[in-house]
Amino acid sequence: MKTDLDGLMQAQNVDALLVSGPAKHNPAMVYMTGGANLTMGHVIKKRGEPAVLFFAPMERDEAARTGMVSRNYMTYPQFRAALQGDLDQHAAMLQAMLKDAGVTGGRLPFYGDVNAFRHYGIVARLLKLMPDLRVADSAEDDVILNAMSTKDEGEVARIRRMGQITTEVVRATADLLMSSRVKDEVLYQADGEPLTIGAVKRQIDVWLMERGAENPEGTIFAIGRDAGVPHSTGTESDVLRLGQTIVFDIFPCEAGGGYFHDFTRTWCLGHAPDEVVKLYEDVKTVNETLVAELEVGKPFFHYQKRTCELFEEMGHATVMSNPGTEDGYVHSLGHGVGLKVHELPMCSYQPNGGQTNVLTPGQVIAIEPGLYYPERGMGVRLENTYYITPDGKFENLAPYPMDLVLPVKR
C-alpha cells in the first residue's frame, strides 16, 4: 500500500523516488497522484517526507485537487528552454526540483511514461550535475510496484466496481449472442449481415464507454483455432458459428487508465461437441480445486506447480514437464491486478519467486487456468479476480456463471 512506501524505501536502501509523465495511463503517476488530469508532471518523494508534485501552470487546479504539496514549473528559469527540448536545461531544472524536494544525492529509481531516448539524455546530464546521485535500477528496487501489490479499501472498492461493470458488459454480450438469428449454423445481425468477431468487439467498446470504462489493452474475443492461442485477440472478420469455443477475456479499466479488472469465460453457442465439454470440465475442475486450496502465506508459484500436476494427471501437456509446449497448459496460473492488468504478485513455476509473490492479505489476484489445442480448433480458459481479505479469505470480486453453452434462437 502507499503507506508502505517509506518502509519499502528503507528496506531497499532507496533514498528518493522520481515519477515523470502524464497522470493518465501511467500507473506510477496515477498511483502517486490518484489519477489527476495532468498532461505532464513530476513527483519527487524523499524517504520520510511527503511527495512533492511539480506541475504546469495551466493545470494548477488539477494539481491542487491531488492534495499534494505542489510547485509550479514556472518558478524555475529553465522551464521554457526545457519545454522546447533543451536537454541541458531540462537536466538543470530537474536538479533544482530535486534540491527543492530535499534530494541532493543517494539512490533514486526513475518511473513513468516518458520518451526513453530523451529521458536517457536528461538523466545522463543530471548525473553529471549531481555526482552523488545514483540510479537504482534493479528489480528489487521497484518500490512502487511492491507497494502497489497490496491495496487499501478504496483501491479494492474501485476494482470491485470495475468488476461490476465487467460482468454487466459480459452479460450484455451474452444477451446479444443469444438473441441473434441463426441460419446455417451462423449468427446474423438485424441488418442481415453475419455477426463477426469485430462487430461484437466494437459493441463491447461502446458498452464499456457508456459505463465510464475503457479497455486500452484490447479485448480477447476469439473463436475456433484462435481460441486455442491464449493471447490471440480474435480475427475481426471471423463469423460466429455454433459449437465452436469462444474465449472471452475482458480486462477493462477506469477511464483514463485507472484500476483494472480481469475476467474470462469460454462459451459455445447452441451446443458443445463432446471433446469441448471434456476440455471445459477439466479446466473447471482445476479452477475450482485451486480456488478451494488457496491459502495466505503460500508462495504463488506453489499453485502454478499444483496446476501443472492436476492437468498432467488428466493427460494434458504442461509447461512444467515441457516448457516449450504449445498444446495443453501453456502459461502461468495468475497474476496481481491493479493499476496494471498484470502486476505483483506474479505466479510462475519458480521456487525463487520472492517475498512479493507470497499470497498476502490486501492483494488482488487473477486465477486463470486454461487448456489450448489450436490445431483441434479449441481452447478453454476460466478466470476470476479475487481479493485477499484482512482475515485471509479469498473474495471473488465479480461472481458470474460459468456456463459453457449459450442457447441461441433457431
Protein backbone atom coordinates (compact mmCIF):
# COMPACT_ATOMS: atom_id res chain seq x y z
CA MET A 1 0.00 0.00 0.00
CA LYS A 2 1.04 3.62 -0.41
CA THR A 3 1.53 3.82 3.35
CA ASP A 4 4.30 1.20 2.93
CA LEU A 5 6.43 3.40 0.65
CA ASP A 6 8.81 4.73 3.31
CA GLY A 7 9.30 1.28 4.83
CA LEU A 8 10.00 -0.25 1.41
CA MET A 9 12.40 2.56 0.57
CA GLN A 10 14.22 1.96 3.85
CA ALA A 11 14.36 -1.80 3.33
CA GLN A 12 15.66 -1.44 -0.22
CA ASN A 13 18.09 1.40 0.55
CA VAL A 14 16.30 3.82 -1.78
CA ASP A 15 16.61 7.49 -0.82
CA ALA A 16 14.02 9.04 -3.13
CA LEU A 17 11.58 8.29 -5.95
CA LEU A 18 11.11 10.27 -9.17
CA VAL A 19 7.98 9.76 -11.29
CA SER A 20 7.53 11.57 -14.62
CA GLY A 21 4.94 11.86 -17.37
CA PRO A 22 1.20 12.36 -17.71
CA ALA A 23 -1.18 11.35 -14.95
CA LYS A 24 -3.31 9.21 -17.25
CA HIS A 25 -2.41 5.71 -18.48
CA ASN A 26 0.78 5.98 -16.43
CA PRO A 27 0.44 3.60 -13.47
CA ALA A 28 3.17 5.03 -11.24
CA MET A 29 1.87 8.60 -11.70
CA VAL A 30 -1.75 7.51 -11.22
CA TYR A 31 -0.65 5.76 -8.03
CA MET A 32 1.12 8.81 -6.63
CA THR A 33 -1.43 11.46 -7.67
CA GLY A 34 -4.67 9.48 -7.53
CA GLY A 35 -5.26 9.95 -11.26
CA ALA A 36 -5.21 13.74 -11.64
CA ASN A 37 -5.87 15.17 -15.11
CA LEU A 38 -2.29 16.30 -15.77
CA THR A 39 -0.76 16.18 -19.23
CA MET A 40 2.72 16.33 -17.69
CA GLY A 41 4.09 16.27 -14.18
CA HIS A 42 6.90 15.15 -11.92
CA VAL A 43 6.52 13.64 -8.47
CA ILE A 44 9.53 13.53 -6.19
CA LYS A 45 9.33 11.69 -2.90
CA LYS A 46 12.21 11.77 -0.48
CA ARG A 47 12.23 8.95 2.05
CA GLY A 48 10.45 10.06 5.21
CA GLU A 49 8.99 13.17 3.55
CA PRO A 50 5.68 13.89 1.76
CA ALA A 51 5.76 13.54 -2.02
CA VAL A 52 6.00 16.81 -3.98
CA LEU A 53 4.13 17.31 -7.26
CA PHE A 54 5.61 19.64 -9.90
CA PHE A 55 3.07 20.83 -12.48
CA ALA A 56 2.49 23.10 -15.48
CA PRO A 57 0.70 26.39 -14.69
CA MET A 58 -2.36 25.70 -16.83
CA GLU A 59 -3.06 22.62 -14.68
CA ARG A 60 -2.74 24.26 -11.26
CA ASP A 61 -6.31 23.42 -10.25
CA GLU A 62 -5.82 19.75 -11.12
CA ALA A 63 -2.60 19.75 -9.11
CA ALA A 64 -4.41 21.30 -6.15
CA ARG A 65 -7.10 18.59 -6.25
CA THR A 66 -4.49 15.94 -5.51
CA GLY A 67 -3.98 17.41 -2.04
CA MET A 68 -0.23 17.00 -2.51
CA VAL A 69 2.50 19.51 -1.77
CA SER A 70 2.89 21.08 -5.21
CA ARG A 71 5.14 23.50 -7.08
CA ASN A 72 4.66 25.31 -10.38
CA TYR A 73 7.17 24.66 -13.18
CA MET A 74 7.15 28.38 -13.93
CA THR A 75 9.13 29.07 -10.77
CA TYR A 76 12.16 27.50 -12.49
CA PRO A 77 14.02 29.70 -15.02
CA GLN A 78 14.97 26.64 -17.09
CA PHE A 79 11.33 25.69 -17.75
CA ARG A 80 10.78 27.36 -21.13
CA ALA A 81 14.05 26.09 -22.59
CA ALA A 82 13.33 22.59 -21.25
CA LEU A 83 9.86 22.76 -22.80
CA GLN A 84 11.49 23.48 -26.17
CA GLY A 85 13.64 20.36 -25.90
CA ASP A 86 16.89 21.69 -24.41
CA LEU A 87 18.17 18.63 -22.55
CA ASP A 88 20.83 20.54 -20.61
CA GLN A 89 18.24 22.98 -19.29
CA HIS A 90 15.83 20.13 -18.56
CA ALA A 91 18.51 18.38 -16.50
CA ALA A 92 19.31 21.63 -14.68
CA MET A 93 15.62 22.14 -13.93
CA LEU A 94 15.35 18.57 -12.64
CA GLN A 95 18.37 19.19 -10.42
CA ALA A 96 16.69 22.28 -8.96
CA MET A 97 13.44 20.37 -8.40
CA LEU A 98 15.26 17.55 -6.62
CA LYS A 99 17.05 20.02 -4.36
CA ASP A 100 13.76 21.76 -3.58
CA ALA A 101 12.38 18.38 -2.52
CA GLY A 102 15.41 17.87 -0.29
CA VAL A 103 17.24 15.41 -2.54
CA THR A 104 20.94 16.08 -3.19
CA GLY A 105 22.19 12.51 -3.65
CA GLY A 106 21.57 8.87 -2.85
CA ARG A 107 19.88 6.01 -4.67
CA LEU A 108 16.99 7.08 -6.90
CA PRO A 109 14.77 4.90 -9.14
CA PHE A 110 13.01 6.56 -12.09
CA TYR A 111 9.41 5.82 -13.04
CA GLY A 112 6.89 6.99 -15.59
CA ASP A 113 5.67 7.11 -19.16
CA VAL A 114 8.37 9.11 -20.95
CA ASN A 115 10.28 9.11 -24.23
CA ALA A 116 13.12 6.69 -23.47
CA PHE A 117 15.72 8.32 -25.75
CA ARG A 118 15.08 11.83 -24.45
CA HIS A 119 14.81 10.68 -20.84
CA TYR A 120 18.12 8.83 -21.10
CA GLY A 121 19.80 12.03 -22.31
CA ILE A 122 18.28 14.03 -19.47
CA VAL A 123 19.28 11.50 -16.82
CA ALA A 124 22.83 11.24 -18.19
CA ARG A 125 23.18 15.02 -17.88
CA LEU A 126 21.55 15.03 -14.45
CA LEU A 127 24.07 12.51 -13.10
CA LYS A 128 26.91 14.78 -14.21
CA LEU A 129 25.29 17.71 -12.38
CA MET A 130 24.65 15.60 -9.27
CA PRO A 131 27.62 13.21 -8.86
CA ASP A 132 26.28 11.96 -5.51
CA LEU A 133 23.12 10.67 -7.20
CA ARG A 134 22.95 7.01 -8.21
CA VAL A 135 20.32 5.36 -10.36
CA ALA A 136 18.61 2.43 -8.63
CA ASP A 137 17.95 0.02 -11.47
CA SER A 138 17.47 -3.50 -10.11
CA ALA A 139 14.14 -5.30 -9.85
CA GLU A 140 14.39 -5.33 -6.06
CA ASP A 141 14.42 -1.51 -6.11
CA ASP A 142 10.93 -1.30 -7.63
CA VAL A 143 9.46 0.31 -4.56
CA ILE A 144 6.24 1.47 -6.23
CA LEU A 145 5.47 -1.89 -7.83
CA ASN A 146 5.99 -3.58 -4.47
CA ALA A 147 3.77 -1.02 -2.71
CA MET A 148 1.09 -1.50 -5.37
CA SER A 149 0.97 -5.24 -4.68
CA THR A 150 -1.35 -4.70 -1.71
CA LYS A 151 -4.44 -2.49 -1.86
CA ASP A 152 -6.31 -0.38 0.66
CA GLU A 153 -10.11 -0.44 0.95
CA GLY A 154 -10.53 2.43 -1.50
CA GLU A 155 -8.48 0.69 -4.17
CA VAL A 156 -10.36 -2.58 -3.69
CA ALA A 157 -13.68 -0.73 -3.98
CA ARG A 158 -12.57 0.68 -7.34
CA ILE A 159 -11.53 -2.76 -8.61
CA ARG A 160 -14.79 -4.23 -7.35
CA ARG A 161 -16.70 -1.50 -9.23
CA MET A 162 -14.75 -2.37 -12.39
CA GLY A 163 -15.73 -6.00 -11.81
CA GLN A 164 -19.38 -4.98 -11.69
CA ILE A 165 -19.01 -3.06 -14.95
CA THR A 166 -17.16 -6.02 -16.49
CA THR A 167 -19.88 -8.53 -15.67
CA GLU A 168 -22.59 -6.13 -16.89
CA VAL A 169 -20.81 -5.97 -20.25
CA VAL A 170 -20.27 -9.74 -20.30
CA ARG A 171 -23.97 -10.27 -19.64
CA ALA A 172 -24.88 -7.81 -22.41
CA THR A 173 -22.56 -9.68 -24.77
CA ALA A 174 -24.17 -13.00 -23.90
CA ASP A 175 -27.63 -11.48 -24.48
CA LEU A 176 -26.51 -10.17 -27.89
CA LEU A 177 -25.31 -13.60 -28.94
CA MET A 178 -28.31 -15.49 -27.61
CA SER A 179 -30.78 -13.12 -29.30
CA SER A 180 -29.10 -13.19 -32.73
CA ARG A 181 -30.80 -15.03 -35.55
CA VAL A 182 -29.20 -18.29 -36.67
CA LYS A 183 -29.04 -19.58 -40.22
CA ASP A 184 -26.92 -22.50 -41.40
CA GLU A 185 -25.07 -22.59 -38.04
CA VAL A 186 -24.02 -18.91 -38.34
CA LEU A 187 -25.25 -15.96 -36.25
CA TYR A 188 -26.72 -12.98 -38.12
CA GLN A 189 -27.23 -9.33 -37.18
CA ALA A 190 -30.53 -7.47 -37.58
CA ASP A 191 -29.30 -5.96 -40.86
CA GLY A 192 -28.91 -9.43 -42.38
CA GLU A 193 -25.12 -9.48 -42.22
CA PRO A 194 -23.26 -12.28 -40.39
CA LEU A 195 -22.25 -11.39 -36.85
CA THR A 196 -18.46 -11.15 -36.71
CA ILE A 197 -15.81 -11.00 -34.01
CA GLY A 198 -15.09 -7.39 -34.98
CA ALA A 199 -18.74 -6.35 -34.65
CA VAL A 200 -19.00 -7.87 -31.17
CA LYS A 201 -15.78 -6.22 -30.00
CA ARG A 202 -16.89 -2.81 -31.24
CA GLN A 203 -20.14 -3.18 -29.31
CA ILE A 204 -18.17 -4.17 -26.20
CA ASP A 205 -16.18 -0.92 -26.53
CA VAL A 206 -19.43 1.07 -26.64
CA TRP A 207 -20.86 -0.66 -23.58
CA LEU A 208 -17.67 -0.03 -21.62
CA MET A 209 -17.56 3.64 -22.62
CA GLU A 210 -21.18 4.09 -21.57
CA ARG A 211 -20.23 2.84 -18.12
CA GLY A 212 -17.18 5.07 -17.69
CA ALA A 213 -14.64 2.38 -18.52
CA GLU A 214 -12.26 1.58 -21.36
CA ASN A 215 -10.04 -1.25 -22.50
CA PRO A 216 -6.69 0.27 -23.53
CA GLU A 217 -5.12 -3.17 -23.96
CA GLY A 218 -7.99 -4.51 -26.07
CA THR A 219 -10.39 -7.39 -25.55
CA ILE A 220 -9.77 -11.05 -26.35
CA PHE A 221 -12.81 -12.43 -28.17
CA ALA A 222 -11.56 -15.38 -30.19
CA ILE A 223 -13.29 -18.34 -31.80
CA GLY A 224 -12.16 -21.74 -33.09
CA ARG A 225 -8.42 -22.02 -33.70
CA ASP A 226 -7.83 -18.52 -32.32
CA ALA A 227 -9.39 -19.65 -29.04
CA GLY A 228 -6.58 -22.21 -28.86
CA VAL A 229 -3.90 -19.48 -28.81
CA PRO A 230 -4.05 -17.84 -25.36
CA HIS A 231 -3.42 -14.23 -26.35
CA SER A 232 -4.97 -14.24 -29.80
CA THR A 233 -7.39 -11.31 -29.69
CA GLY A 234 -9.52 -12.91 -32.40
CA THR A 235 -9.79 -12.33 -36.14
CA GLU A 236 -12.09 -9.39 -36.88
CA SER A 237 -13.67 -11.00 -39.94
CA ASP A 238 -14.40 -14.38 -38.33
CA VAL A 239 -18.12 -15.11 -38.17
CA LEU A 240 -19.73 -16.57 -35.06
CA ARG A 241 -20.68 -20.19 -35.58
CA LEU A 242 -22.45 -22.69 -33.40
CA GLY A 243 -20.49 -25.32 -31.50
CA GLN A 244 -17.07 -23.60 -31.57
CA THR A 245 -15.27 -22.44 -28.44
CA ILE A 246 -15.17 -18.69 -27.85
CA VAL A 247 -12.62 -17.43 -25.34
CA PHE A 248 -13.83 -14.08 -23.99
CA ASP A 249 -11.11 -12.43 -21.89
CA ILE A 250 -12.05 -8.89 -20.92
CA PHE A 251 -9.76 -6.67 -18.82
CA PRO A 252 -11.08 -3.10 -18.80
CA CYS A 253 -10.00 -0.25 -16.55
CA GLU A 254 -11.39 3.01 -15.26
CA ALA A 255 -11.40 5.71 -17.92
CA GLY A 256 -8.03 7.44 -18.04
CA GLY A 257 -6.01 4.41 -17.06
CA GLY A 258 -7.12 3.68 -13.51
CA TYR A 259 -7.80 0.34 -11.85
CA PHE A 260 -8.36 -2.81 -13.92
CA HIS A 261 -10.44 -5.93 -13.53
CA ASP A 262 -9.62 -9.22 -15.29
CA PHE A 263 -12.20 -11.84 -16.24
CA THR A 264 -12.51 -14.74 -18.71
CA ARG A 265 -15.27 -17.09 -19.76
CA THR A 266 -15.41 -19.70 -22.50
CA TRP A 267 -18.63 -20.20 -24.43
CA CYS A 268 -20.07 -22.40 -27.15
CA LEU A 269 -23.15 -21.17 -28.97
CA GLY A 270 -26.09 -23.56 -29.22
CA HIS A 271 -24.23 -26.74 -28.34
CA ALA A 272 -20.76 -28.01 -27.45
CA PRO A 273 -19.03 -31.05 -29.01
CA ASP A 274 -18.13 -33.83 -26.59
CA GLU A 275 -14.39 -33.12 -26.78
CA VAL A 276 -15.02 -29.47 -25.89
CA VAL A 277 -17.22 -30.46 -22.95
CA LYS A 278 -14.42 -32.73 -21.67
CA LEU A 279 -11.84 -29.97 -22.04
CA TYR A 280 -14.13 -27.50 -20.30
CA GLU A 281 -14.81 -29.84 -17.40
CA ASP A 282 -11.07 -30.39 -16.92
CA VAL A 283 -10.42 -26.63 -16.72
CA LYS A 284 -13.42 -26.02 -14.47
CA THR A 285 -12.36 -28.81 -12.11
CA VAL A 286 -8.83 -27.43 -11.84
CA ASN A 287 -10.16 -23.90 -11.34
CA GLU A 288 -12.47 -24.95 -8.52
CA THR A 289 -9.81 -27.15 -6.90
CA LEU A 290 -7.20 -24.41 -6.87
CA VAL A 291 -9.53 -21.71 -5.55
CA ALA A 292 -10.54 -24.03 -2.71
CA GLU A 293 -6.87 -24.64 -1.89
CA LEU A 294 -5.66 -21.01 -1.94
CA GLU A 295 -4.03 -20.10 1.34
CA VAL A 296 -2.44 -16.93 2.73
CA GLY A 297 1.30 -17.27 3.29
CA LYS A 298 1.84 -19.70 0.43
CA PRO A 299 4.16 -18.71 -2.45
CA PHE A 300 2.06 -18.08 -5.55
CA PHE A 301 4.31 -20.43 -7.56
CA HIS A 302 3.09 -23.32 -5.38
CA TYR A 303 -0.25 -23.10 -7.18
CA GLN A 304 1.38 -23.00 -10.60
CA LYS A 305 3.09 -26.28 -9.76
CA ARG A 306 -0.19 -27.65 -8.44
CA THR A 307 -1.99 -26.61 -11.65
CA CYS A 308 0.56 -28.44 -13.76
CA GLU A 309 0.28 -31.57 -11.63
CA LEU A 310 -3.52 -31.61 -11.89
CA PHE A 311 -3.55 -31.11 -15.65
CA GLU A 312 -0.86 -33.73 -16.21
CA GLU A 313 -2.89 -36.23 -14.18
CA MET A 314 -5.68 -35.56 -16.68
CA GLY A 315 -3.37 -36.33 -19.59
CA HIS A 316 -2.50 -32.80 -20.76
CA ALA A 317 0.96 -31.46 -21.50
CA THR A 318 2.08 -28.55 -19.29
CA VAL A 319 4.94 -26.08 -19.03
CA MET A 320 6.26 -27.98 -16.01
CA SER A 321 7.27 -31.10 -17.95
CA ASN A 322 7.54 -29.43 -21.36
CA PRO A 323 8.36 -25.68 -21.09
CA GLY A 324 8.01 -25.17 -24.84
CA THR A 325 4.63 -26.83 -25.30
CA GLU A 326 2.06 -25.04 -27.45
CA ASP A 327 -0.70 -27.52 -26.59
CA GLY A 328 -2.29 -28.15 -23.21
CA TYR A 329 -1.46 -25.81 -20.32
CA VAL A 330 0.95 -23.23 -21.72
CA HIS A 331 1.04 -20.24 -19.34
CA SER A 332 1.10 -19.32 -15.66
CA LEU A 333 -1.89 -19.58 -13.34
CA GLY A 334 -2.38 -15.95 -12.48
CA HIS A 335 -1.09 -12.53 -11.51
CA GLY A 336 -1.84 -9.48 -9.45
CA VAL A 337 -4.38 -6.95 -10.74
CA GLY A 338 -4.47 -3.22 -10.03
CA LEU A 339 -3.28 -0.15 -11.92
CA LYS A 340 -1.69 -2.65 -14.29
CA VAL A 341 -3.62 -5.61 -15.57
CA HIS A 342 -0.55 -7.73 -14.76
CA GLU A 343 1.32 -6.76 -11.61
CA LEU A 344 2.66 -8.29 -8.40
CA PRO A 345 2.23 -10.92 -7.15
CA MET A 346 3.25 -12.95 -10.18
CA CYS A 347 2.73 -16.69 -10.46
CA SER A 348 5.07 -18.99 -12.31
CA TYR A 349 6.85 -22.29 -11.83
CA GLN A 350 9.69 -20.56 -9.99
CA PRO A 351 10.61 -21.74 -6.48
CA ASN A 352 12.58 -18.49 -6.01
CA GLY A 353 9.57 -16.31 -6.74
CA GLY A 354 10.46 -13.86 -3.95
CA GLN A 355 8.61 -12.49 -0.93
CA THR A 356 6.47 -10.20 -3.09
CA ASN A 357 5.00 -13.30 -4.72
CA VAL A 358 3.73 -14.78 -1.45
CA LEU A 359 -0.06 -14.61 -1.10
CA THR A 360 -0.77 -11.81 1.39
CA PRO A 361 -3.88 -10.03 2.70
CA GLY A 362 -4.56 -6.92 0.64
CA GLN A 363 -3.55 -8.43 -2.68
CA VAL A 364 -5.90 -8.69 -5.65
CA ILE A 365 -5.14 -11.68 -7.87
CA ALA A 366 -6.50 -13.26 -11.03
CA ILE A 367 -6.73 -17.06 -11.24
CA GLU A 368 -6.96 -18.27 -14.87
CA PRO A 369 -6.20 -21.91 -15.68
CA GLY A 370 -6.69 -22.88 -19.31
CA LEU A 371 -6.14 -25.61 -21.91
CA TYR A 372 -5.36 -24.95 -25.58
CA TYR A 373 -5.41 -27.10 -28.69
CA PRO A 374 -5.24 -24.76 -31.69
CA GLU A 375 -4.88 -27.48 -34.31
CA ARG A 376 -8.06 -29.07 -32.96
CA GLY A 377 -9.78 -25.67 -33.17
CA MET A 378 -10.47 -25.21 -29.48
CA GLY A 379 -9.30 -23.59 -26.29
CA VAL A 380 -10.79 -23.05 -22.83
CA ARG A 381 -9.91 -20.53 -20.13
CA LEU A 382 -11.84 -19.58 -16.97
CA GLU A 383 -10.78 -16.58 -14.89
CA ASN A 384 -11.98 -14.66 -11.87
CA THR A 385 -10.34 -11.91 -9.85
CA TYR A 386 -10.06 -12.34 -6.08
CA TYR A 387 -9.35 -10.01 -3.17
CA ILE A 388 -7.43 -11.48 -0.23
CA THR A 389 -9.30 -10.00 2.73
CA PRO A 390 -7.62 -8.92 6.00
CA ASP A 391 -8.80 -12.16 7.64
CA GLY A 392 -7.29 -14.28 4.86
CA LYS A 393 -10.38 -15.13 2.82
CA PHE A 394 -10.40 -15.08 -0.99
CA GLU A 395 -13.34 -12.96 -2.20
CA ASN A 396 -14.47 -13.25 -5.81
CA LEU A 397 -14.90 -9.59 -6.74
CA ALA A 398 -17.31 -10.24 -9.63
CA PRO A 399 -19.21 -13.54 -9.42
CA TYR A 400 -20.69 -14.68 -12.73
CA PRO A 401 -21.97 -18.06 -14.01
CA MET A 402 -19.50 -20.45 -15.62
CA ASP A 403 -21.92 -21.93 -18.15
CA LEU A 404 -20.28 -23.30 -21.27
CA VAL A 405 -23.26 -23.38 -23.67
CA LEU A 406 -25.24 -20.25 -24.52
CA PRO A 407 -28.64 -21.16 -26.03
CA VAL A 408 -29.48 -19.34 -29.26
CA LYS A 409 -32.56 -18.75 -31.40
CA ARG A 410 -33.09 -21.31 -34.14
